[in-house]
Structure formats: C-alpha cells, structure tokens
Amino acid sequence: MPKTTLLERIHFLSHELEIPPEQVIAKAIEPGVCALYRHRMGERYVSGDISRDTAMHLLGPHEVARLECVMHRLCELAEDEIDLICGHA
C-alpha cells in the first residue's frame, strides 16, 4: 500500500474535520510550539532571566518545583564549582 503524502493527509483531515487546511496545520504544530516555549521559559528561569513569580505564572507550580529540585541537585553535585555549573549558591 503506498504511503500518503503530507499534503494528502492535510487535505484528508481538512475534509474530515470540516476546517481549512491552515487550521489543520495550526492544530498540528501547536503542541510542539507549546512544548518548545515551555522548555525555553524553563531555561530562562533556571538561568535567572525571569523571576520565580513569572515562571509560576508561565509554567505552573509543579514545573517550577521540578526545576528548583533539579537546580538544587546540580548545586549539590557541583560542590566547589557551583558558580560554573548553576550559579545558584
């Protein structure tokens, strides 16, 4: 059985969902963009570029707690090189 092309799949979904192809594409990429955004905001929090309050608002308390746990563990592991690895003394 031949594989369908991406364009064929988009048109199929457009027809099935009764939405324009542009909306099919938007729905498809939204989860990836959201994941990339959250990852980048997490990096910015860890590096000190955004405040804890901002991180709580953007990422939620569970993700902030997870990031803080990771930062704490990195600092413990770094011992003498805290500033070089995580900057959270």
PDB file of N, CA and C in Angstrom:
ATOM      1  N   MET A   1       0.845  -1.182   0.000  1.00  0.00           N
ATOM      2  CA  MET A   1       0.000   0.000   0.000  1.00  0.00           C
ATOM      3  C   MET A   1       0.887   1.242   0.000  1.00  0.00           C
ATOM      4  N   PRO A   2       0.678   2.156  -0.909  1.00  0.00           N
ATOM      5  CA  PRO A   2       1.517   3.361  -0.973  1.00  0.00           C
ATOM      6  C   PRO A   2       1.220   4.296   0.196  1.00  0.00           C
ATOM      7  N   LYS A   3       2.275   4.952   0.628  1.00  0.00           N
ATOM      8  CA  LYS A   3       2.122   5.927   1.706  1.00  0.00           C
ATOM      9  C   LYS A   3       1.483   7.193   1.160  1.00  0.00           C
ATOM     10  N   THR A   4       0.746   7.853   2.027  1.00  0.00           N
ATOM     11  CA  THR A   4       0.153   9.122   1.618  1.00  0.00           C
ATOM     12  C   THR A   4       1.140  10.249   1.874  1.00  0.00           C
ATOM     13  N   THR A   5       1.042  11.274   1.078  1.00  0.00           N
ATOM     14  CA  THR A   5       1.916  12.429   1.268  1.00  0.00           C
ATOM     15  C   THR A   5       1.362  13.303   2.389  1.00  0.00           C
ATOM     16  N   LEU A   6       2.190  14.181   2.891  1.00  0.00           N
ATOM     17  CA  LEU A   6       1.755  15.107   3.924  1.00  0.00           C
ATOM     18  C   LEU A   6       0.588  15.961   3.433  1.00  0.00           C
ATOM     19  N   LEU A   7       0.681  16.421   2.213  1.00  0.00           N
ATOM     20  CA  LEU A   7      -0.392  17.242   1.648  1.00  0.00           C
ATOM     21  C   LEU A   7      -1.698  16.458   1.567  1.00  0.00           C
ATOM     22  N   GLU A   8      -1.613  15.191   1.180  1.00  0.00           N
ATOM     23  CA  GLU A   8      -2.820  14.356   1.122  1.00  0.00           C
ATOM     24  C   GLU A   8      -3.428  14.187   2.511  1.00  0.00           C
ATOM     25  N   ARG A   9      -2.591  14.007   3.503  1.00  0.00           N
ATOM     26  CA  ARG A   9      -3.090  13.858   4.870  1.00  0.00           C
ATOM     27  C   ARG A   9      -3.755  15.133   5.359  1.00  0.00           C
ATOM     28  N   ILE A  10      -3.145  16.265   5.044  1.00  0.00           N
ATOM     29  CA  ILE A  10      -3.724  17.558   5.436  1.00  0.00           C
ATOM     30  C   ILE A  10      -5.081  17.745   4.792  1.00  0.00           C
ATOM     31  N   HIS A  11      -5.172  17.450   3.505  1.00  0.00           N
ATOM     32  CA  HIS A  11      -6.457  17.594   2.806  1.00  0.00           C
ATOM     33  C   HIS A  11      -7.497  16.616   3.340  1.00  0.00           C
ATOM     34  N   PHE A  12      -7.078  15.398   3.648  1.00  0.00           N
ATOM     35  CA  PHE A  12      -7.991  14.427   4.242  1.00  0.00           C
ATOM     36  C   PHE A  12      -8.542  14.950   5.561  1.00  0.00           C
ATOM     37  N   LEU A  13      -7.655  15.410   6.435  1.00  0.00           N
ATOM     38  CA  LEU A  13      -8.084  15.923   7.733  1.00  0.00           C
ATOM     39  C   LEU A  13      -8.949  17.166   7.596  1.00  0.00           C
ATOM     40  N   SER A  14      -8.601  18.006   6.653  1.00  0.00           N
ATOM     41  CA  SER A  14      -9.390  19.202   6.389  1.00  0.00           C
ATOM     42  C   SER A  14     -10.819  18.813   6.029  1.00  0.00           C
ATOM     43  N   HIS A  15     -10.952  17.841   5.164  1.00  0.00           N
ATOM     44  CA  HIS A  15     -12.280  17.371   4.740  1.00  0.00           C
ATOM     45  C   HIS A  15     -13.010  16.710   5.911  1.00  0.00           C
ATOM     46  N   GLU A  16     -12.331  15.814   6.619  1.00  0.00           N
ATOM     47  CA  GLU A  16     -12.942  15.074   7.720  1.00  0.00           C
ATOM     48  C   GLU A  16     -13.387  15.990   8.858  1.00  0.00           C
ATOM     49  N   LEU A  17     -12.544  16.964   9.186  1.00  0.00           N
ATOM     50  CA  LEU A  17     -12.835  17.864  10.301  1.00  0.00           C
ATOM     51  C   LEU A  17     -13.642  19.088   9.887  1.00  0.00           C
ATOM     52  N   GLU A  18     -13.803  19.220   8.576  1.00  0.00           N
ATOM     53  CA  GLU A  18     -14.530  20.366   8.015  1.00  0.00           C
ATOM     54  C   GLU A  18     -13.928  21.698   8.466  1.00  0.00           C
ATOM     55  N   ILE A  19     -12.608  21.769   8.354  1.00  0.00           N
ATOM     56  CA  ILE A  19     -11.891  23.002   8.651  1.00  0.00           C
ATOM     57  C   ILE A  19     -10.887  23.247   7.525  1.00  0.00           C
ATOM     58  N   PRO A  20     -10.464  24.493   7.334  1.00  0.00           N
ATOM     59  CA  PRO A  20      -9.492  24.788   6.274  1.00  0.00           C
ATOM     60  C   PRO A  20      -8.146  24.114   6.554  1.00  0.00           C
ATOM     61  N   PRO A  21      -7.396  23.819   5.507  1.00  0.00           N
ATOM     62  CA  PRO A  21      -6.075  23.206   5.688  1.00  0.00           C
ATOM     63  C   PRO A  21      -5.166  23.998   6.631  1.00  0.00           C
ATOM     64  N   GLU A  22      -5.279  25.328   6.629  1.00  0.00           N
ATOM     65  CA  GLU A  22      -4.454  26.150   7.505  1.00  0.00           C
ATOM     66  C   GLU A  22      -4.720  25.827   8.974  1.00  0.00           C
ATOM     67  N   GLN A  23      -5.983  25.543   9.298  1.00  0.00           N
ATOM     68  CA  GLN A  23      -6.323  25.199  10.684  1.00  0.00           C
ATOM     69  C   GLN A  23      -5.801  23.813  11.045  1.00  0.00           C
ATOM     70  N   VAL A  24      -5.789  22.907  10.083  1.00  0.00           N
ATOM     71  CA  VAL A  24      -5.212  21.583  10.318  1.00  0.00           C
ATOM     72  C   VAL A  24      -3.736  21.739  10.685  1.00  0.00           C
ATOM     73  N   ILE A  25      -3.032  22.547   9.918  1.00  0.00           N
ATOM     74  CA  ILE A  25      -1.602  22.763  10.169  1.00  0.00           C
ATOM     75  C   ILE A  25      -1.400  23.432  11.525  1.00  0.00           C
ATOM     76  N   ALA A  26      -2.207  24.438  11.830  1.00  0.00           N
ATOM     77  CA  ALA A  26      -2.086  25.130  13.118  1.00  0.00           C
ATOM     78  C   ALA A  26      -2.322  24.164  14.275  1.00  0.00           C
ATOM     79  N   LYS A  27      -3.335  23.318  14.157  1.00  0.00           N
ATOM     80  CA  LYS A  27      -3.620  22.336  15.211  1.00  0.00           C
ATOM     81  C   LYS A  27      -2.473  21.344  15.358  1.00  0.00           C
ATOM     82  N   ALA A  28      -1.828  21.026  14.260  1.00  0.00           N
ATOM     83  CA  ALA A  28      -0.741  20.051  14.287  1.00  0.00           C
ATOM     84  C   ALA A  28       0.518  20.611  14.940  1.00  0.00           C
ATOM     85  N   ILE A  29       0.814  21.878  14.697  1.00  0.00           N
ATOM     86  CA  ILE A  29       2.070  22.429  15.231  1.00  0.00           C
ATOM     87  C   ILE A  29       1.924  23.039  16.619  1.00  0.00           C
ATOM     88  N   GLU A  30       0.710  23.312  17.051  1.00  0.00           N
ATOM     89  CA  GLU A  30       0.502  23.963  18.346  1.00  0.00           C
ATOM     90  C   GLU A  30       1.146  23.207  19.511  1.00  0.00           C
ATOM     91  N   PRO A  31       0.978  21.894  19.638  1.00  0.00           N
ATOM     92  CA  PRO A  31       1.611  21.199  20.772  1.00  0.00           C
ATOM     93  C   PRO A  31       3.139  21.316  20.767  1.00  0.00           C
ATOM     94  N   GLY A  32       3.746  21.266  19.595  1.00  0.00           N
ATOM     95  CA  GLY A  32       5.200  21.390  19.510  1.00  0.00           C
ATOM     96  C   GLY A  32       5.680  22.776  19.890  1.00  0.00           C
ATOM     97  N   VAL A  33       4.981  23.784  19.423  1.00  0.00           N
ATOM     98  CA  VAL A  33       5.343  25.164  19.767  1.00  0.00           C
ATOM     99  C   VAL A  33       5.164  25.381  21.271  1.00  0.00           C
ATOM    100  N   CYS A  34       4.096  24.847  21.826  1.00  0.00           N
ATOM    101  CA  CYS A  34       3.853  24.975  23.270  1.00  0.00           C
ATOM    102  C   CYS A  34       4.984  24.313  24.061  1.00  0.00           C
ATOM    103  N   ALA A  35       5.384  23.130  23.651  1.00  0.00           N
ATOM    104  CA  ALA A  35       6.470  22.418  24.341  1.00  0.00           C
ATOM    105  C   ALA A  35       7.785  23.179  24.242  1.00  0.00           C
ATOM    106  N   LEU A  36       8.095  23.703  23.064  1.00  0.00           N
ATOM    107  CA  LEU A  36       9.320  24.488  22.885  1.00  0.00           C
ATOM    108  C   LEU A  36       9.302  25.746  23.745  1.00  0.00           C
ATOM    109  N   TYR A  37       8.151  26.415  23.798  1.00  0.00           N
ATOM    110  CA  TYR A  37       8.000  27.629  24.595  1.00  0.00           C
ATOM    111  C   TYR A  37       8.222  27.325  26.079  1.00  0.00           C
ATOM    112  N   ARG A  38       7.573  26.275  26.583  1.00  0.00           N
ATOM    113  CA  ARG A  38       7.719  25.912  27.991  1.00  0.00           C
ATOM    114  C   ARG A  38       9.160  25.532  28.310  1.00  0.00           C
ATOM    115  N   HIS A  39       9.803  24.815  27.407  1.00  0.00           N
ATOM    116  CA  HIS A  39      11.199  24.439  27.606  1.00  0.00           C
ATOM    117  C   HIS A  39      12.080  25.685  27.700  1.00  0.00           C
ATOM    118  N   ARG A  40      11.859  26.621  26.786  1.00  0.00           N
ATOM    119  CA  ARG A  40      12.668  27.848  26.775  1.00  0.00           C
ATOM    120  C   ARG A  40      12.411  28.686  28.016  1.00  0.00           C
ATOM    121  N   MET A  41      11.151  28.787  28.449  1.00  0.00           N
ATOM    122  CA  MET A  41      10.851  29.552  29.665  1.00  0.00           C
ATOM    123  C   MET A  41      11.484  28.875  30.874  1.00  0.00           C
ATOM    124  N   GLY A  42      11.528  27.554  30.903  1.00  0.00           N
ATOM    125  CA  GLY A  42      12.209  26.832  31.971  1.00  0.00           C
ATOM    126  C   GLY A  42      13.694  27.153  31.989  1.00  0.00           C
ATOM    127  N   GLU A  43      14.306  27.185  30.811  1.00  0.00           N
ATOM    128  CA  GLU A  43      15.725  27.559  30.713  1.00  0.00           C
ATOM    129  C   GLU A  43      15.952  28.974  31.214  1.00  0.00           C
ATOM    130  N   ARG A  44      15.046  29.875  30.851  1.00  0.00           N
ATOM    131  CA  ARG A  44      15.183  31.264  31.285  1.00  0.00           C
ATOM    132  C   ARG A  44      15.038  31.397  32.794  1.00  0.00           C
ATOM    133  N   TYR A  45      14.161  30.604  33.396  1.00  0.00           N
ATOM    134  CA  TYR A  45      14.012  30.632  34.851  1.00  0.00           C
ATOM    135  C   TYR A  45      15.280  30.104  35.518  1.00  0.00           C
ATOM    136  N   VAL A  46      15.761  28.978  35.055  1.00  0.00           N
ATOM    137  CA  VAL A  46      16.962  28.378  35.639  1.00  0.00           C
ATOM    138  C   VAL A  46      18.156  29.323  35.530  1.00  0.00           C
ATOM    139  N   SER A  47      18.265  30.048  34.435  1.00  0.00           N
ATOM    140  CA  SER A  47      19.399  30.957  34.249  1.00  0.00           C
ATOM    141  C   SER A  47      19.210  32.294  34.964  1.00  0.00           C
ATOM    142  N   GLY A  48      18.025  32.506  35.550  1.00  0.00           N
ATOM    143  CA  GLY A  48      17.778  33.740  36.290  1.00  0.00           C
ATOM    144  C   GLY A  48      17.266  34.884  35.437  1.00  0.00           C
ATOM    145  N   ASP A  49      16.911  34.603  34.192  1.00  0.00           N
ATOM    146  CA  ASP A  49      16.416  35.656  33.296  1.00  0.00           C
ATOM    147  C   ASP A  49      14.980  36.062  33.592  1.00  0.00           C
ATOM    148  N   ILE A  50      14.212  35.161  34.206  1.00  0.00           N
ATOM    149  CA  ILE A  50      12.849  35.520  34.611  1.00  0.00           C
ATOM    150  C   ILE A  50      12.684  35.183  36.079  1.00  0.00           C
ATOM    151  N   SER A  51      11.785  35.891  36.735  1.00  0.00           N
ATOM    152  CA  SER A  51      11.570  35.708  38.172  1.00  0.00           C
ATOM    153  C   SER A  51      10.790  34.427  38.450  1.00  0.00           C
ATOM    154  N   ARG A  52      10.818  34.044  39.717  1.00  0.00           N
ATOM    155  CA  ARG A  52      10.050  32.876  40.146  1.00  0.00           C
ATOM    156  C   ARG A  52       8.560  33.115  39.926  1.00  0.00           C
ATOM    157  N   ASP A  53       8.086  34.312  40.240  1.00  0.00           N
ATOM    158  CA  ASP A  53       6.672  34.628  40.035  1.00  0.00           C
ATOM    159  C   ASP A  53       6.273  34.489  38.567  1.00  0.00           C
ATOM    160  N   THR A  54       7.122  34.987  37.685  1.00  0.00           N
ATOM    161  CA  THR A  54       6.847  34.872  36.254  1.00  0.00           C
ATOM    162  C   THR A  54       6.840  33.408  35.832  1.00  0.00           C
ATOM    163  N   ALA A  55       7.811  32.658  36.321  1.00  0.00           N
ATOM    164  CA  ALA A  55       7.876  31.226  35.998  1.00  0.00           C
ATOM    165  C   ALA A  55       6.637  30.504  36.516  1.00  0.00           C
ATOM    166  N   MET A  56       6.198  30.848  37.720  1.00  0.00           N
ATOM    167  CA  MET A  56       4.986  30.226  38.269  1.00  0.00           C
ATOM    168  C   MET A  56       3.787  30.511  37.373  1.00  0.00           C
ATOM    169  N   HIS A  57       3.704  31.737  36.898  1.00  0.00           N
ATOM    170  CA  HIS A  57       2.590  32.120  36.028  1.00  0.00           C
ATOM    171  C   HIS A  57       2.655  31.384  34.679  1.00  0.00           C
ATOM    172  N   LEU A  58       3.850  31.298  34.106  1.00  0.00           N
ATOM    173  CA  LEU A  58       4.007  30.703  32.775  1.00  0.00           C
ATOM    174  C   LEU A  58       4.042  29.178  32.784  1.00  0.00           C
ATOM    175  N   LEU A  59       4.652  28.603  33.819  1.00  0.00           N
ATOM    176  CA  LEU A  59       4.902  27.161  33.826  1.00  0.00           C
ATOM    177  C   LEU A  59       4.060  26.386  34.831  1.00  0.00           C
ATOM    178  N   GLY A  60       3.581  27.068  35.853  1.00  0.00           N
ATOM    179  CA  GLY A  60       2.807  26.398  36.884  1.00  0.00           C
ATOM    180  C   GLY A  60       3.698  25.924  38.024  1.00  0.00           C
ATOM    181  N   PRO A  61       3.088  25.691  39.181  1.00  0.00           N
ATOM    182  CA  PRO A  61       3.862  25.353  40.367  1.00  0.00           C
ATOM    183  C   PRO A  61       4.594  24.010  40.287  1.00  0.00           C
ATOM    184  N   HIS A  62       4.015  23.034  39.631  1.00  0.00           N
ATOM    185  CA  HIS A  62       4.668  21.723  39.555  1.00  0.00           C
ATOM    186  C   HIS A  62       5.962  21.788  38.751  1.00  0.00           C
ATOM    187  N   GLU A  63       5.938  22.495  37.624  1.00  0.00           N
ATOM    188  CA  GLU A  63       7.147  22.595  36.798  1.00  0.00           C
ATOM    189  C   GLU A  63       8.208  23.439  37.496  1.00  0.00           C
ATOM    190  N   VAL A  64       7.803  24.518  38.161  1.00  0.00           N
ATOM    191  CA  VAL A  64       8.766  25.340  38.902  1.00  0.00           C
ATOM    192  C   VAL A  64       9.404  24.514  40.009  1.00  0.00           C
ATOM    193  N   ALA A  65       8.612  23.740  40.726  1.00  0.00           N
ATOM    194  CA  ALA A  65       9.156  22.888  41.785  1.00  0.00           C
ATOM    195  C   ALA A  65      10.135  21.867  41.202  1.00  0.00           C
ATOM    196  N   ARG A  66       9.801  21.292  40.060  1.00  0.00           N
ATOM    197  CA  ARG A  66      10.691  20.320  39.424  1.00  0.00           C
ATOM    198  C   ARG A  66      12.011  20.978  39.031  1.00  0.00           C
ATOM    199  N   LEU A  67      11.931  22.155  38.440  1.00  0.00           N
ATOM    200  CA  LEU A  67      13.140  22.878  38.038  1.00  0.00           C
ATOM    201  C   LEU A  67      13.990  23.253  39.250  1.00  0.00           C
ATOM    202  N   GLU A  68      13.350  23.673  40.328  1.00  0.00           N
ATOM    203  CA  GLU A  68      14.097  24.023  41.533  1.00  0.00           C
ATOM    204  C   GLU A  68      14.780  22.797  42.130  1.00  0.00           C
ATOM    205  N   CYS A  69      14.127  21.660  42.061  1.00  0.00           N
ATOM    206  CA  CYS A  69      14.727  20.417  42.543  1.00  0.00           C
ATOM    207  C   CYS A  69      15.962  20.075  41.708  1.00  0.00           C
ATOM    208  N   VAL A  70      15.858  20.226  40.406  1.00  0.00           N
ATOM    209  CA  VAL A  70      16.993  19.962  39.510  1.00  0.00           C
ATOM    210  C   VAL A  70      18.127  20.935  39.807  1.00  0.00           C
ATOM    211  N   MET A  71      17.789  22.222  39.963  1.00  0.00           N
ATOM    212  CA  MET A  71      18.829  23.218  40.259  1.00  0.00           C
ATOM    213  C   MET A  71      19.523  22.899  41.583  1.00  0.00           C
ATOM    214  N   HIS A  72      18.735  22.536  42.577  1.00  0.00           N
ATOM    215  CA  HIS A  72      19.304  22.204  43.884  1.00  0.00           C
ATOM    216  C   HIS A  72      20.241  21.006  43.768  1.00  0.00           C
ATOM    217  N   ARG A  73      19.818  20.006  43.045  1.00  0.00           N
ATOM    218  CA  ARG A  73      20.645  18.801  42.886  1.00  0.00           C
ATOM    219  C   ARG A  73      21.932  19.119  42.131  1.00  0.00           C
ATOM    220  N   LEU A  74      21.860  19.951  41.104  1.00  0.00           N
ATOM    221  CA  LEU A  74      23.069  20.348  40.382  1.00  0.00           C
ATOM    222  C   LEU A  74      24.044  21.065  41.302  1.00  0.00           C
ATOM    223  N   CYS A  75      23.514  21.925  42.153  1.00  0.00           N
ATOM    224  CA  CYS A  75      24.371  22.648  43.087  1.00  0.00           C
ATOM    225  C   CYS A  75      25.027  21.698  44.079  1.00  0.00           C
ATOM    226  N   GLU A  76      24.274  20.715  44.538  1.00  0.00           N
ATOM    227  CA  GLU A  76      24.850  19.720  45.451  1.00  0.00           C
ATOM    228  C   GLU A  76      25.972  18.947  44.776  1.00  0.00           C
ATOM    229  N   LEU A  77      25.757  18.548  43.536  1.00  0.00           N
ATOM    230  CA  LEU A  77      26.751  17.770  42.806  1.00  0.00           C
ATOM    231  C   LEU A  77      27.984  18.592  42.464  1.00  0.00           C
ATOM    232  N   ALA A  78      27.777  19.876  42.246  1.00  0.00           N
ATOM    233  CA  ALA A  78      28.880  20.726  41.810  1.00  0.00           C
ATOM    234  C   ALA A  78      29.875  21.017  42.920  1.00  0.00           C
ATOM    235  N   GLU A  79      29.420  21.076  44.143  1.00  0.00           N
ATOM    236  CA  GLU A  79      30.210  21.406  45.321  1.00  0.00           C
ATOM    237  C   GLU A  79      31.108  22.619  45.100  1.00  0.00           C
ATOM    238  N   ASP A  80      32.336  22.438  44.675  1.00  0.00           N
ATOM    239  CA  ASP A  80      33.287  23.536  44.558  1.00  0.00           C
ATOM    240  C   ASP A  80      33.092  24.389  43.317  1.00  0.00           C
ATOM    241  N   GLU A  81      32.328  23.913  42.371  1.00  0.00           N
ATOM    242  CA  GLU A  81      32.180  24.633  41.108  1.00  0.00           C
ATOM    243  C   GLU A  81      30.761  25.129  40.892  1.00  0.00           C
ATOM    244  N   ILE A  82      30.100  25.500  41.968  1.00  0.00           N
ATOM    245  CA  ILE A  82      28.699  25.917  41.894  1.00  0.00           C
ATOM    246  C   ILE A  82      28.494  27.043  40.880  1.00  0.00           C
ATOM    247  N   ASP A  83      29.304  28.077  40.947  1.00  0.00           N
ATOM    248  CA  ASP A  83      29.116  29.215  40.049  1.00  0.00           C
ATOM    249  C   ASP A  83      29.309  28.817  38.595  1.00  0.00           C
ATOM    250  N   LEU A  84      30.203  27.892  38.330  1.00  0.00           N
ATOM    251  CA  LEU A  84      30.444  27.481  36.942  1.00  0.00           C
ATOM    252  C   LEU A  84      29.304  26.644  36.383  1.00  0.00           C
ATOM    253  N   ILE A  85      28.652  25.859  37.219  1.00  0.00           N
ATOM    254  CA  ILE A  85      27.628  24.951  36.721  1.00  0.00           C
ATOM    255  C   ILE A  85      26.225  25.552  36.779  1.00  0.00           C
ATOM    256  N   CYS A  86      25.831  26.064  37.939  1.00  0.00           N
ATOM    257  CA  CYS A  86      24.451  26.502  38.028  1.00  0.00           C
ATOM    258  C   CYS A  86      24.257  27.927  38.521  1.00  0.00           C
ATOM    259  N   GLY A  87      25.226  28.496  39.178  1.00  0.00           N
ATOM    260  CA  GLY A  87      25.117  29.878  39.626  1.00  0.00           C
ATOM    261  C   GLY A  87      24.112  30.101  40.741  1.00  0.00           C
ATOM    262  N   HIS A  88      23.660  29.026  41.385  1.00  0.00           N
ATOM    263  CA  HIS A  88      22.690  29.148  42.471  1.00  0.00           C
ATOM    264  C   HIS A  88      23.316  28.702  43.772  1.00  0.00           C
ATOM    265  N   ALA A  89      24.061  29.588  44.404  1.00  0.00           N
ATOM    266  CA  ALA A  89      24.743  29.255  45.662  1.00  0.00           C
ATOM    267  C   ALA A  89      23.775  29.313  46.819  1.00  0.00           C
TER     268      ALA A  89
END
